[in-house]
Amino acid sequence: MEKQIKSDVIVFHDETSFAGNDNLKGHVLLFIPLKVVVKESMTLFPISNFEIEPYIELFNKLEQKRKELGTEHKVHFSDISGKKWYMKDNLDKYWIEKGIEALKCKKSKDALFCKLGIIFYENPKTNNVAQYHGESKAEKKFEFEETILRMLLKGVVHYLYDNEHKVKILKIITDGKPKHRKIDKNRVLNRLLDEVKNHVTFSTDAEFIHLDSDHKKYTELSKEYINANFLQLADLFLGCVIRCCLKNSMPKKIYPKIGKEITNKKSVIAYPVKEMLDKRKRGRNFKYSSHFKSFTITRAYIDENSSWEFENLMTKEIQIDKDYNQLEIFN
């Protein structure tokens, strides 16, 4: 059976200045399709087409759980704290579980074809940003950040998509107000137009939209309300990945009850992410996983020769066949 997939996606972006014990910074991109068209065909049978709307389906699951548990808190990984398990912790745990399910792309009748890309890097040194043209040090550093973001975006669309699964970027929604200035569409998106492969396209009105991720600031069920919730999910993914890859802690699989004392809530909530990342240990057999080509997590750094180097945080202690080494997406 041959399958052709086309995803029209909205990308949700968040970042952190404190990633793990090495004082790294990080960017996360969560790709959520507004629409997915799937065409299936076999030699002796006609083509079968169907469409799904992951954006609406995933939001409905997250929002339904909010209403069911009666908690309207802003989901934010760094805010998870305390020694007792509360109803809001159940929501955080449910959200990340549904997020992991939404990343499935194969062997799942309920696949939503979402994608996740994360990159970690050190704060740029003065000599690393000298090449940028900004008039101030702050501008040079911001251009450096835009370069990192462009690298991640290009890497994700080149590795996690291909000629059998094409992607169209509709817009990128980033968390919060601009710190120095708005992210420059020309530096990040327009410069990619001549660099990406044929299976990647951008909407003619694709742009960066800065949006506060507190859903309570918007009319319920408005586009801003929905997008704010998805920004919270992106933040939750980033926090869980940091917990699994950069912290000296071991996420645990337990099912706590309301009011029960918990040693480390963050490790409990991050466990579904650890389960997904552990699939990478299958080596070449990972290509048969429902999460194959659904996520990539990388650390980038500049070496002594001022060249970019990349380290796959999921395979540091695992020998992986080169064809399935996600480091290749950035080289």
Protein backbone atom coordinates (compact mmCIF):
# COMPACT_ATOMS: atom_id res chain seq x y z
CA MET A 1 0.00 0.00 0.00
CA GLU A 2 1.21 3.46 -0.90
CA LYS A 3 0.39 6.40 1.32
CA GLN A 4 0.73 10.11 0.61
CA ILE A 5 0.21 12.59 3.43
CA LYS A 6 -0.09 16.37 3.30
CA SER A 7 -0.13 18.41 6.52
CA ASP A 8 -1.02 22.09 6.80
CA VAL A 9 0.48 23.01 10.16
CA ILE A 10 0.56 25.75 12.76
CA VAL A 11 3.86 25.76 14.64
CA PHE A 12 3.99 26.64 18.34
CA HIS A 13 7.27 28.03 19.66
CA ASP A 14 8.58 28.48 23.18
CA GLU A 15 12.04 28.91 24.68
CA THR A 16 13.87 28.73 27.98
CA SER A 17 17.02 30.38 29.31
CA PHE A 18 17.56 27.70 31.98
CA ALA A 19 17.71 24.19 30.53
CA GLY A 20 19.18 21.60 32.86
CA ASN A 21 22.31 21.54 34.96
CA ASP A 22 24.60 22.90 32.23
CA ASN A 23 22.85 26.28 32.10
CA LEU A 24 21.80 25.74 28.52
CA LYS A 25 19.13 27.62 26.62
CA GLY A 26 16.53 25.88 24.50
CA HIS A 27 13.90 26.25 21.76
CA VAL A 28 10.91 24.00 21.16
CA LEU A 29 8.73 23.79 18.04
CA LEU A 30 5.46 21.88 18.26
CA PHE A 31 3.88 21.22 14.84
CA ILE A 32 0.09 20.77 15.05
CA PRO A 33 -1.72 20.22 11.73
CA LEU A 34 -4.80 22.30 11.08
CA LYS A 35 -5.65 19.71 8.43
CA VAL A 36 -4.13 16.44 7.23
CA VAL A 37 -5.04 14.83 3.91
CA VAL A 38 -4.18 11.14 3.57
CA LYS A 39 -4.29 9.30 0.24
CA GLU A 40 -3.95 5.52 0.26
CA SER A 41 -3.77 3.30 -2.81
CA MET A 42 -3.01 -0.30 -3.77
CA THR A 43 -2.23 -1.73 -7.20
CA LEU A 44 -5.61 -3.46 -7.67
CA PHE A 45 -7.77 -1.03 -5.70
CA PRO A 46 -8.83 2.59 -6.16
CA ILE A 47 -7.44 5.48 -4.18
CA SER A 48 -8.90 6.10 -0.73
CA ASN A 49 -8.82 9.67 0.59
CA PHE A 50 -9.65 10.98 4.04
CA GLU A 51 -9.04 14.14 6.03
CA ILE A 52 -8.52 14.77 9.74
CA GLU A 53 -8.32 17.95 11.80
CA PRO A 54 -5.71 17.32 14.54
CA TYR A 55 -5.81 20.96 15.71
CA ILE A 56 -9.46 20.66 16.73
CA GLU A 57 -9.30 17.01 17.86
CA LEU A 58 -6.33 17.55 20.17
CA PHE A 59 -7.69 20.79 21.62
CA ASN A 60 -11.04 19.14 22.38
CA LYS A 61 -9.30 16.40 24.34
CA LEU A 62 -7.25 18.88 26.36
CA GLU A 63 -10.17 21.23 27.01
CA GLN A 64 -12.55 18.43 27.93
CA LYS A 65 -10.15 17.29 30.64
CA ARG A 66 -9.87 20.86 31.94
CA LYS A 67 -13.64 21.00 32.37
CA GLU A 68 -13.83 17.50 33.81
CA LEU A 69 -11.22 18.24 36.49
CA GLY A 70 -12.47 21.77 37.10
CA THR A 71 -9.07 23.45 36.95
CA GLU A 72 -8.34 26.57 34.90
CA HIS A 73 -4.68 26.98 35.84
CA LYS A 74 -2.08 27.86 33.24
CA VAL A 75 -0.09 24.71 32.48
CA HIS A 76 3.55 25.64 33.02
CA PHE A 77 6.20 23.02 33.79
CA SER A 78 8.29 25.25 36.04
CA ASP A 79 5.20 25.90 38.21
CA ILE A 80 4.82 22.23 39.10
CA SER A 81 5.73 22.07 42.77
CA GLY A 82 4.64 20.94 46.23
CA LYS A 83 4.79 17.65 48.07
CA LYS A 84 1.18 16.59 47.54
CA TRP A 85 -0.59 15.54 44.36
CA TYR A 86 -3.46 17.83 43.36
CA MET A 87 -6.16 17.87 40.68
CA LYS A 88 -4.11 20.29 38.57
CA ASP A 89 -1.26 17.76 38.55
CA ASN A 90 -3.67 15.24 37.04
CA LEU A 91 -4.34 17.73 34.26
CA ASP A 92 -0.63 18.26 33.56
CA LYS A 93 -0.08 14.48 33.48
CA TYR A 94 -3.05 13.93 31.17
CA TRP A 95 -1.94 16.69 28.82
CA ILE A 96 1.54 15.27 28.29
CA GLU A 97 0.10 11.79 27.75
CA LYS A 98 -2.24 13.14 25.06
CA GLY A 99 0.61 15.16 23.59
CA ILE A 100 2.69 11.99 23.25
CA GLU A 101 -0.22 10.22 21.57
CA ALA A 102 -0.64 13.15 19.16
CA LEU A 103 2.95 12.66 17.96
CA LYS A 104 2.20 9.18 16.65
CA CYS A 105 2.45 8.99 12.87
CA LYS A 106 2.48 5.27 12.11
CA LYS A 107 0.56 2.13 13.07
CA SER A 108 -2.17 4.12 14.77
CA LYS A 109 -5.69 4.59 13.44
CA ASP A 110 -5.97 7.66 15.65
CA ALA A 111 -2.69 9.25 14.50
CA LEU A 112 -2.74 13.05 14.55
CA PHE A 113 0.64 13.50 12.80
CA CYS A 114 1.96 16.19 15.16
CA LYS A 115 5.74 16.74 15.32
CA LEU A 116 8.17 17.95 17.97
CA GLY A 117 11.59 19.56 17.57
CA ILE A 118 13.85 20.77 20.40
CA ILE A 119 17.36 22.22 20.36
CA PHE A 120 19.60 23.15 23.31
CA TYR A 121 22.62 25.43 23.13
CA GLU A 122 24.93 27.53 25.28
CA ASN A 123 24.59 31.26 25.74
CA PRO A 124 26.54 32.86 22.89
CA LYS A 125 29.95 34.31 23.70
CA THR A 126 31.01 37.69 22.37
CA ASN A 127 33.19 36.18 19.64
CA ASN A 128 30.31 33.95 18.51
CA VAL A 129 28.01 36.89 17.79
CA ALA A 130 30.60 39.26 16.33
CA GLN A 131 29.69 38.13 12.81
CA TYR A 132 26.14 39.46 13.15
CA HIS A 133 25.32 42.93 11.88
CA GLY A 134 23.32 44.34 14.76
CA GLU A 135 24.42 47.72 16.04
CA SER A 136 24.14 46.69 19.69
CA LYS A 137 25.22 43.64 21.64
CA ALA A 138 21.56 42.86 22.38
CA GLU A 139 20.73 42.92 18.66
CA LYS A 140 23.67 40.67 17.79
CA LYS A 141 22.56 38.13 20.41
CA PHE A 142 19.00 38.27 19.13
CA GLU A 143 20.17 37.58 15.59
CA PHE A 144 22.12 34.63 17.00
CA GLU A 145 18.88 33.36 18.58
CA GLU A 146 17.09 33.73 15.25
CA THR A 147 19.82 31.68 13.60
CA ILE A 148 19.31 28.88 16.14
CA LEU A 149 15.56 29.00 15.55
CA ARG A 150 16.01 28.88 11.78
CA MET A 151 18.35 25.89 12.12
CA LEU A 152 15.79 24.05 14.22
CA LEU A 153 12.92 24.84 11.87
CA LYS A 154 14.90 23.71 8.84
CA GLY A 155 16.09 20.57 10.60
CA VAL A 156 12.60 19.55 11.65
CA VAL A 157 10.96 19.98 8.23
CA HIS A 158 13.84 18.15 6.52
CA TYR A 159 14.04 15.18 8.87
CA LEU A 160 10.51 14.69 10.17
CA TYR A 161 8.84 15.24 6.79
CA ASP A 162 9.65 13.89 3.31
CA ASN A 163 8.16 13.30 -0.14
CA GLU A 164 5.66 10.85 1.34
CA HIS A 165 4.60 13.32 4.02
CA LYS A 166 4.64 16.88 2.73
CA VAL A 167 4.22 19.89 4.97
CA LYS A 168 2.97 23.45 4.57
CA ILE A 169 3.76 25.99 7.30
CA LEU A 170 0.79 28.30 7.87
CA LYS A 171 2.19 30.41 10.72
CA ILE A 172 4.39 30.25 13.79
CA ILE A 173 2.97 31.33 17.13
CA THR A 174 5.55 32.20 19.75
CA ASP A 175 5.00 32.57 23.49
CA GLY A 176 4.99 36.04 25.03
CA LYS A 177 5.66 39.60 24.03
CA PRO A 178 8.86 40.46 22.12
CA LYS A 179 11.78 40.93 24.51
CA HIS A 180 14.10 42.93 22.28
CA ARG A 181 11.96 43.11 19.13
CA LYS A 182 9.68 40.82 17.15
CA ILE A 183 11.23 37.77 15.53
CA ASP A 184 12.26 38.82 12.03
CA LYS A 185 10.27 36.97 9.36
CA ASN A 186 12.94 37.80 6.77
CA ARG A 187 15.77 36.34 8.84
CA VAL A 188 13.96 33.13 9.79
CA LEU A 189 11.23 32.28 7.29
CA ASN A 190 12.13 34.09 4.08
CA ARG A 191 15.73 32.89 4.19
CA LEU A 192 14.47 29.33 4.30
CA LEU A 193 12.48 29.63 1.09
CA ASP A 194 15.51 28.88 -1.08
CA GLU A 195 16.98 26.31 1.34
CA VAL A 196 14.17 23.85 2.05
CA LYS A 197 13.44 20.78 -0.04
CA ASN A 198 10.49 20.38 -2.38
CA HIS A 199 8.28 18.67 0.19
CA VAL A 200 8.25 21.86 2.30
CA THR A 201 6.18 24.96 1.47
CA PHE A 202 5.12 28.11 3.32
CA SER A 203 1.81 29.93 3.17
CA THR A 204 2.08 33.28 1.39
CA ASP A 205 0.99 35.01 4.61
CA ALA A 206 3.12 32.87 6.96
CA GLU A 207 4.46 34.98 9.82
CA PHE A 208 5.50 34.98 13.47
CA ILE A 209 2.71 35.85 15.89
CA HIS A 210 3.62 36.79 19.47
CA LEU A 211 0.92 35.63 21.88
CA ASP A 212 0.64 35.48 25.66
CA SER A 213 0.16 31.84 26.63
CA ASP A 214 -2.30 32.55 29.47
CA HIS A 215 -5.59 31.29 28.02
CA LYS A 216 -7.61 33.10 30.69
CA LYS A 217 -6.84 36.42 28.96
CA TYR A 218 -8.94 35.50 25.93
CA THR A 219 -12.56 34.73 25.13
CA GLU A 220 -13.20 31.03 25.69
CA LEU A 221 -12.84 28.92 22.52
CA SER A 222 -11.51 31.86 20.48
CA LYS A 223 -8.47 31.23 18.25
CA GLU A 224 -6.27 33.05 20.77
CA TYR A 225 -7.67 30.90 23.57
CA ILE A 226 -6.95 27.67 21.68
CA ASN A 227 -3.48 28.78 20.59
CA ALA A 228 -2.59 29.84 24.15
CA ASN A 229 -3.41 26.32 25.32
CA PHE A 230 -1.17 24.81 22.65
CA LEU A 231 1.66 27.14 23.72
CA GLN A 232 1.23 25.68 27.20
CA LEU A 233 1.52 22.18 25.75
CA ALA A 234 4.75 23.17 23.97
CA ASP A 235 6.11 24.48 27.29
CA LEU A 236 5.13 21.21 28.97
CA PHE A 237 6.99 19.21 26.30
CA LEU A 238 10.10 21.35 26.71
CA GLY A 239 10.09 21.00 30.49
CA CYS A 240 9.58 17.23 30.35
CA VAL A 241 12.37 16.77 27.81
CA ILE A 242 14.75 18.83 29.96
CA ARG A 243 13.81 16.60 32.90
CA CYS A 244 14.54 13.44 30.91
CA CYS A 245 17.67 14.52 29.03
CA LEU A 246 19.45 17.19 31.07
CA LYS A 247 18.54 16.69 34.71
CA ASN A 248 20.09 14.16 37.09
CA SER A 249 16.73 12.56 37.83
CA MET A 250 14.88 9.44 36.77
CA PRO A 251 11.23 9.93 35.73
CA LYS A 252 8.96 7.42 37.47
CA LYS A 253 5.85 5.57 36.32
CA ILE A 254 3.32 5.85 39.13
CA TYR A 255 -0.35 6.71 39.39
CA PRO A 256 -0.68 9.03 42.41
CA LYS A 257 -3.96 9.73 44.18
CA ILE A 258 -5.25 13.18 45.09
CA GLY A 259 -3.69 14.29 48.37
CA LYS A 260 -0.93 11.69 48.30
CA GLU A 261 2.61 12.87 49.03
CA ILE A 262 4.92 12.68 46.02
CA THR A 263 8.70 12.89 46.16
CA ASN A 264 9.08 14.55 42.76
CA LYS A 265 6.01 15.56 40.77
CA LYS A 266 7.99 16.71 37.75
CA SER A 267 9.55 13.28 37.32
CA VAL A 268 6.12 11.63 37.49
CA ILE A 269 4.66 13.98 34.89
CA ALA A 270 7.69 13.64 32.61
CA TYR A 271 7.59 9.82 32.53
CA PRO A 272 5.53 9.50 29.30
CA VAL A 273 8.22 11.52 27.51
CA LYS A 274 10.91 9.18 28.84
CA GLU A 275 8.94 6.20 27.49
CA MET A 276 8.82 7.80 24.06
CA LEU A 277 12.51 8.73 24.06
CA ASP A 278 13.49 5.22 25.15
CA LYS A 279 12.06 3.89 21.90
CA ARG A 280 15.15 5.41 20.26
CA LYS A 281 17.23 2.71 21.96
CA ARG A 282 15.83 0.17 19.50
CA GLY A 283 18.41 1.33 16.97
CA ARG A 284 17.39 0.49 13.42
CA ASN A 285 14.19 -1.12 14.68
CA PHE A 286 13.04 2.31 15.78
CA LYS A 287 11.85 2.86 12.19
CA TYR A 288 8.96 0.48 12.95
CA SER A 289 7.80 2.58 15.91
CA SER A 290 4.68 4.74 15.76
CA HIS A 291 6.93 7.61 16.91
CA PHE A 292 9.52 7.21 14.16
CA LYS A 293 10.18 10.61 12.58
CA SER A 294 7.86 12.36 15.02
CA PHE A 295 10.47 14.07 17.22
CA THR A 296 14.08 15.22 17.30
CA ILE A 297 16.12 16.51 20.26
CA THR A 298 19.59 17.96 19.73
CA ARG A 299 22.28 19.96 21.48
CA ALA A 300 24.19 22.47 19.34
CA TYR A 301 27.48 24.15 20.15
CA ILE A 302 30.26 26.07 18.44
CA ASP A 303 33.68 24.37 18.52
CA GLU A 304 37.14 25.92 18.75
CA ASN A 305 37.17 26.48 15.00
CA SER A 306 33.92 28.48 15.17
CA SER A 307 32.06 25.64 13.43
CA TRP A 308 28.69 24.28 14.47
CA GLU A 309 28.65 20.82 16.03
CA PHE A 310 25.59 18.79 17.05
CA GLU A 311 25.05 16.14 19.69
CA ASN A 312 22.01 13.89 19.71
CA LEU A 313 20.89 13.83 23.34
CA MET A 314 18.87 10.66 22.80
CA THR A 315 21.77 8.54 21.52
CA LYS A 316 24.77 9.58 23.62
CA GLU A 317 25.27 6.04 24.95
CA ILE A 318 23.66 4.13 22.09
CA GLN A 319 25.15 3.01 18.80
CA ILE A 320 22.70 3.99 16.05
CA ASP A 321 22.87 3.17 12.38
CA LYS A 322 23.86 6.33 10.47
CA ASP A 323 20.70 6.23 8.35
CA TYR A 324 18.63 6.83 11.46
CA ASN A 325 20.89 9.26 13.29
CA GLN A 326 18.94 12.47 13.73
CA LEU A 327 22.15 14.50 13.90
CA GLU A 328 22.33 14.32 10.14
CA ILE A 329 19.42 16.74 9.76
CA PHE A 330 21.58 19.67 10.76
CA ASN A 331 24.82 18.82 8.94
